[in-house]
Amino acid sequence: FCASLPSAYAAHKGAQVLWQTGRLTDQVHRRIFETAQFILDVMAPGGFNPNGMAIRASQKVRLIHASIRYYILNVPHAKSTWNPEWGLPINQEDMAGTLMTFSIQILQGLQRLGIPVTDDEAEAYLHAW
């Protein structure tokens, strides 16, 4: 988790979204805690059961992303104007990159920390993402 967010922030278009919304400068702690809560909700045992938190958490993130896309494209703000050459804010390519940072990079981080992960555990974790 600690390596995933900085890697995601290194992506130019995604960082533009965070900068324009203030989530990279003004609300950093809030964003980190919200992301951590999302991961806990999605990865919790039974999270995808009918009464689990995963579906609700995923729906919330989708609504937040849709609101941010609308805001960046339609609401004038002082920071800058979205460059159409960047594609849509929070597009499928950006989200695929985020999935990569929260899947493969987590496993690589555990390995660097010397935490053993079996092949079955790694496969199950990647399958979840």
C-alpha atoms as a PDB file:
ATOM      1  CA  PHE A   1       0.000   0.000   0.000  1.00  0.00           C
ATOM      2  CA  CYS A   2       2.815   2.407   0.878  1.00  0.00           C
ATOM      3  CA  ALA A   3       4.477   1.873  -2.505  1.00  0.00           C
ATOM      4  CA  SER A   4       1.276   1.781  -4.550  1.00  0.00           C
ATOM      5  CA  LEU A   5       0.086   5.343  -4.017  1.00  0.00           C
ATOM      6  CA  PRO A   6       3.431   7.034  -4.785  1.00  0.00           C
ATOM      7  CA  SER A   7       3.706   4.957  -7.962  1.00  0.00           C
ATOM      8  CA  ALA A   8       0.198   5.954  -8.972  1.00  0.00           C
ATOM      9  CA  TYR A   9       1.034   9.598  -8.245  1.00  0.00           C
ATOM     10  CA  ALA A  10       3.942   9.354 -10.678  1.00  0.00           C
ATOM     11  CA  ALA A  11       1.500   8.865 -13.574  1.00  0.00           C
ATOM     12  CA  HIS A  12       1.142  12.283 -15.216  1.00  0.00           C
ATOM     13  CA  LYS A  13      -2.575  12.235 -16.037  1.00  0.00           C
ATOM     14  CA  GLY A  14      -3.617  10.760 -12.719  1.00  0.00           C
ATOM     15  CA  ALA A  15      -1.480  13.263 -10.853  1.00  0.00           C
ATOM     16  CA  GLN A  16      -3.179  16.056 -12.827  1.00  0.00           C
ATOM     17  CA  VAL A  17      -6.554  14.846 -11.565  1.00  0.00           C
ATOM     18  CA  LEU A  18      -5.308  14.760  -7.982  1.00  0.00           C
ATOM     19  CA  TRP A  19      -3.703  18.182  -8.307  1.00  0.00           C
ATOM     20  CA  GLN A  20      -6.752  19.827  -9.889  1.00  0.00           C
ATOM     21  CA  THR A  21      -9.049  18.453  -7.201  1.00  0.00           C
ATOM     22  CA  GLY A  22      -6.647  19.258  -4.364  1.00  0.00           C
ATOM     23  CA  ARG A  23      -6.430  15.593  -3.375  1.00  0.00           C
ATOM     24  CA  LEU A  24      -2.659  15.588  -3.903  1.00  0.00           C
ATOM     25  CA  THR A  25      -1.934  18.698  -1.845  1.00  0.00           C
ATOM     26  CA  ASP A  26      -4.814  19.775   0.398  1.00  0.00           C
ATOM     27  CA  GLN A  27      -6.438  16.479   1.380  1.00  0.00           C
ATOM     28  CA  VAL A  28      -3.591  13.974   1.329  1.00  0.00           C
ATOM     29  CA  HIS A  29      -4.355  12.290   4.652  1.00  0.00           C
ATOM     30  CA  ARG A  30      -8.043  12.012   3.834  1.00  0.00           C
ATOM     31  CA  ARG A  31      -7.279  10.398   0.471  1.00  0.00           C
ATOM     32  CA  ILE A  32      -4.874   7.907   2.058  1.00  0.00           C
ATOM     33  CA  PHE A  33      -7.379   6.910   4.742  1.00  0.00           C
ATOM     34  CA  GLU A  34     -10.232   6.636   2.223  1.00  0.00           C
ATOM     35  CA  THR A  35      -8.081   4.437  -0.002  1.00  0.00           C
ATOM     36  CA  ALA A  36      -7.091   2.266   2.953  1.00  0.00           C
ATOM     37  CA  GLN A  37     -10.744   1.900   3.987  1.00  0.00           C
ATOM     38  CA  PHE A  38     -11.689   0.929   0.429  1.00  0.00           C
ATOM     39  CA  ILE A  39      -9.035  -1.794   0.402  1.00  0.00           C
ATOM     40  CA  LEU A  40     -10.178  -3.091   3.798  1.00  0.00           C
ATOM     41  CA  ASP A  41     -13.807  -3.171   2.613  1.00  0.00           C
ATOM     42  CA  VAL A  42     -13.004  -4.927  -0.653  1.00  0.00           C
ATOM     43  CA  MET A  43     -10.519  -7.428   0.748  1.00  0.00           C
ATOM     44  CA  ALA A  44     -12.456  -8.314   3.919  1.00  0.00           C
ATOM     45  CA  PRO A  45     -13.714 -11.886   4.208  1.00  0.00           C
ATOM     46  CA  GLY A  46     -17.281 -11.875   2.933  1.00  0.00           C
ATOM     47  CA  GLY A  47     -16.855  -8.418   1.446  1.00  0.00           C
ATOM     48  CA  PHE A  48     -18.652  -9.421  -1.736  1.00  0.00           C
ATOM     49  CA  ASN A  49     -21.477 -11.241   0.044  1.00  0.00           C
ATOM     50  CA  PRO A  50     -24.924  -9.594  -0.207  1.00  0.00           C
ATOM     51  CA  ASN A  51     -24.379  -7.748   3.080  1.00  0.00           C
ATOM     52  CA  GLY A  52     -20.642  -7.182   2.577  1.00  0.00           C
ATOM     53  CA  MET A  53     -19.067  -3.762   2.199  1.00  0.00           C
ATOM     54  CA  ALA A  54     -17.199  -4.375  -1.077  1.00  0.00           C
ATOM     55  CA  ILE A  55     -20.047  -3.609  -3.458  1.00  0.00           C
ATOM     56  CA  ARG A  56     -21.085  -0.478  -1.577  1.00  0.00           C
ATOM     57  CA  ALA A  57     -17.452   0.684  -1.389  1.00  0.00           C
ATOM     58  CA  SER A  58     -16.964   0.082  -5.128  1.00  0.00           C
ATOM     59  CA  GLN A  59     -20.158   1.962  -5.964  1.00  0.00           C
ATOM     60  CA  LYS A  60     -19.014   4.870  -3.811  1.00  0.00           C
ATOM     61  CA  VAL A  61     -15.665   5.041  -5.624  1.00  0.00           C
ATOM     62  CA  ARG A  62     -17.420   4.934  -9.008  1.00  0.00           C
ATOM     63  CA  LEU A  63     -19.665   7.844  -7.990  1.00  0.00           C
ATOM     64  CA  ILE A  64     -16.691   9.820  -6.692  1.00  0.00           C
ATOM     65  CA  HIS A  65     -14.810   9.235  -9.954  1.00  0.00           C
ATOM     66  CA  ALA A  66     -17.836  10.282 -12.038  1.00  0.00           C
ATOM     67  CA  SER A  67     -18.219  13.452  -9.958  1.00  0.00           C
ATOM     68  CA  ILE A  68     -14.541  14.285 -10.350  1.00  0.00           C
ATOM     69  CA  ARG A  69     -14.697  13.738 -14.116  1.00  0.00           C
ATOM     70  CA  TYR A  70     -17.666  16.108 -14.335  1.00  0.00           C
ATOM     71  CA  TYR A  71     -15.982  18.676 -12.098  1.00  0.00           C
ATOM     72  CA  ILE A  72     -12.724  18.717 -14.049  1.00  0.00           C
ATOM     73  CA  LEU A  73     -14.398  18.900 -17.450  1.00  0.00           C
ATOM     74  CA  ASN A  74     -17.269  21.282 -16.652  1.00  0.00           C
ATOM     75  CA  VAL A  75     -16.533  23.488 -13.654  1.00  0.00           C
ATOM     76  CA  PRO A  76     -14.111  26.374 -14.203  1.00  0.00           C
ATOM     77  CA  HIS A  77     -11.397  26.435 -11.565  1.00  0.00           C
ATOM     78  CA  ALA A  78      -8.223  28.384 -11.029  1.00  0.00           C
ATOM     79  CA  LYS A  79      -5.618  25.617 -11.065  1.00  0.00           C
ATOM     80  CA  SER A  80      -5.667  24.835 -14.792  1.00  0.00           C
ATOM     81  CA  THR A  81      -7.716  23.561 -17.681  1.00  0.00           C
ATOM     82  CA  TRP A  82      -7.842  19.885 -18.540  1.00  0.00           C
ATOM     83  CA  ASN A  83      -5.881  19.141 -21.716  1.00  0.00           C
ATOM     84  CA  PRO A  84      -8.013  16.972 -24.067  1.00  0.00           C
ATOM     85  CA  GLU A  85      -4.809  15.264 -25.252  1.00  0.00           C
ATOM     86  CA  TRP A  86      -4.718  13.565 -21.830  1.00  0.00           C
ATOM     87  CA  GLY A  87      -7.983  11.754 -22.574  1.00  0.00           C
ATOM     88  CA  LEU A  88     -10.807  11.763 -20.057  1.00  0.00           C
ATOM     89  CA  PRO A  89      -9.950  12.194 -16.386  1.00  0.00           C
ATOM     90  CA  ILE A  90      -9.885   8.867 -14.513  1.00  0.00           C
ATOM     91  CA  ASN A  91     -10.241   6.862 -17.715  1.00  0.00           C
ATOM     92  CA  GLN A  92      -9.958   3.098 -18.155  1.00  0.00           C
ATOM     93  CA  GLU A  93      -6.214   3.261 -18.836  1.00  0.00           C
ATOM     94  CA  ASP A  94      -5.638   5.204 -15.617  1.00  0.00           C
ATOM     95  CA  MET A  95      -7.724   2.745 -13.612  1.00  0.00           C
ATOM     96  CA  ALA A  96      -5.898  -0.237 -15.137  1.00  0.00           C
ATOM     97  CA  GLY A  97      -2.618   1.333 -14.043  1.00  0.00           C
ATOM     98  CA  THR A  98      -3.992   1.796 -10.541  1.00  0.00           C
ATOM     99  CA  LEU A  99      -5.032  -1.851 -10.437  1.00  0.00           C
ATOM    100  CA  MET A 100      -1.486  -2.806 -11.387  1.00  0.00           C
ATOM    101  CA  THR A 101      -0.045  -0.765  -8.533  1.00  0.00           C
ATOM    102  CA  PHE A 102      -2.414  -2.322  -6.004  1.00  0.00           C
ATOM    103  CA  SER A 103      -1.885  -5.856  -7.264  1.00  0.00           C
ATOM    104  CA  ILE A 104       1.578  -6.682  -8.551  1.00  0.00           C
ATOM    105  CA  GLN A 105       3.353  -3.909  -6.684  1.00  0.00           C
ATOM    106  CA  ILE A 106       1.946  -5.041  -3.326  1.00  0.00           C
ATOM    107  CA  LEU A 107       3.328  -8.536  -3.893  1.00  0.00           C
ATOM    108  CA  GLN A 108       6.694  -7.103  -4.921  1.00  0.00           C
ATOM    109  CA  GLY A 109       6.720  -4.937  -1.792  1.00  0.00           C
ATOM    110  CA  LEU A 110       6.018  -7.922   0.441  1.00  0.00           C
ATOM    111  CA  GLN A 111       8.879  -9.778  -1.230  1.00  0.00           C
ATOM    112  CA  ARG A 112      11.262  -6.839  -0.661  1.00  0.00           C
ATOM    113  CA  LEU A 113      10.251  -6.796   3.004  1.00  0.00           C
ATOM    114  CA  GLY A 114      11.081 -10.492   3.265  1.00  0.00           C
ATOM    115  CA  ILE A 115       7.475 -11.513   3.896  1.00  0.00           C
ATOM    116  CA  PRO A 116       6.906 -14.941   2.364  1.00  0.00           C
ATOM    117  CA  VAL A 117       3.958 -15.303  -0.010  1.00  0.00           C
ATOM    118  CA  THR A 118       3.178 -18.694  -1.502  1.00  0.00           C
ATOM    119  CA  ASP A 119       2.316 -19.048  -5.172  1.00  0.00           C
ATOM    120  CA  ASP A 120      -1.265 -19.904  -4.201  1.00  0.00           C
ATOM    121  CA  GLU A 121      -1.534 -16.792  -2.002  1.00  0.00           C
ATOM    122  CA  ALA A 122      -0.116 -14.587  -4.758  1.00  0.00           C
ATOM    123  CA  GLU A 123      -2.502 -16.052  -7.315  1.00  0.00           C
ATOM    124  CA  ALA A 124      -5.472 -15.568  -4.984  1.00  0.00           C
ATOM    125  CA  TYR A 125      -4.456 -11.969  -4.279  1.00  0.00           C
ATOM    126  CA  LEU A 126      -4.030 -11.164  -7.985  1.00  0.00           C
ATOM    127  CA  HIS A 127      -7.369 -12.815  -8.723  1.00  0.00           C
ATOM    128  CA  ALA A 128      -9.048 -10.531  -6.186  1.00  0.00           C
ATOM    129  CA  TRP A 129      -7.841  -7.472  -8.071  1.00  0.00           C
END
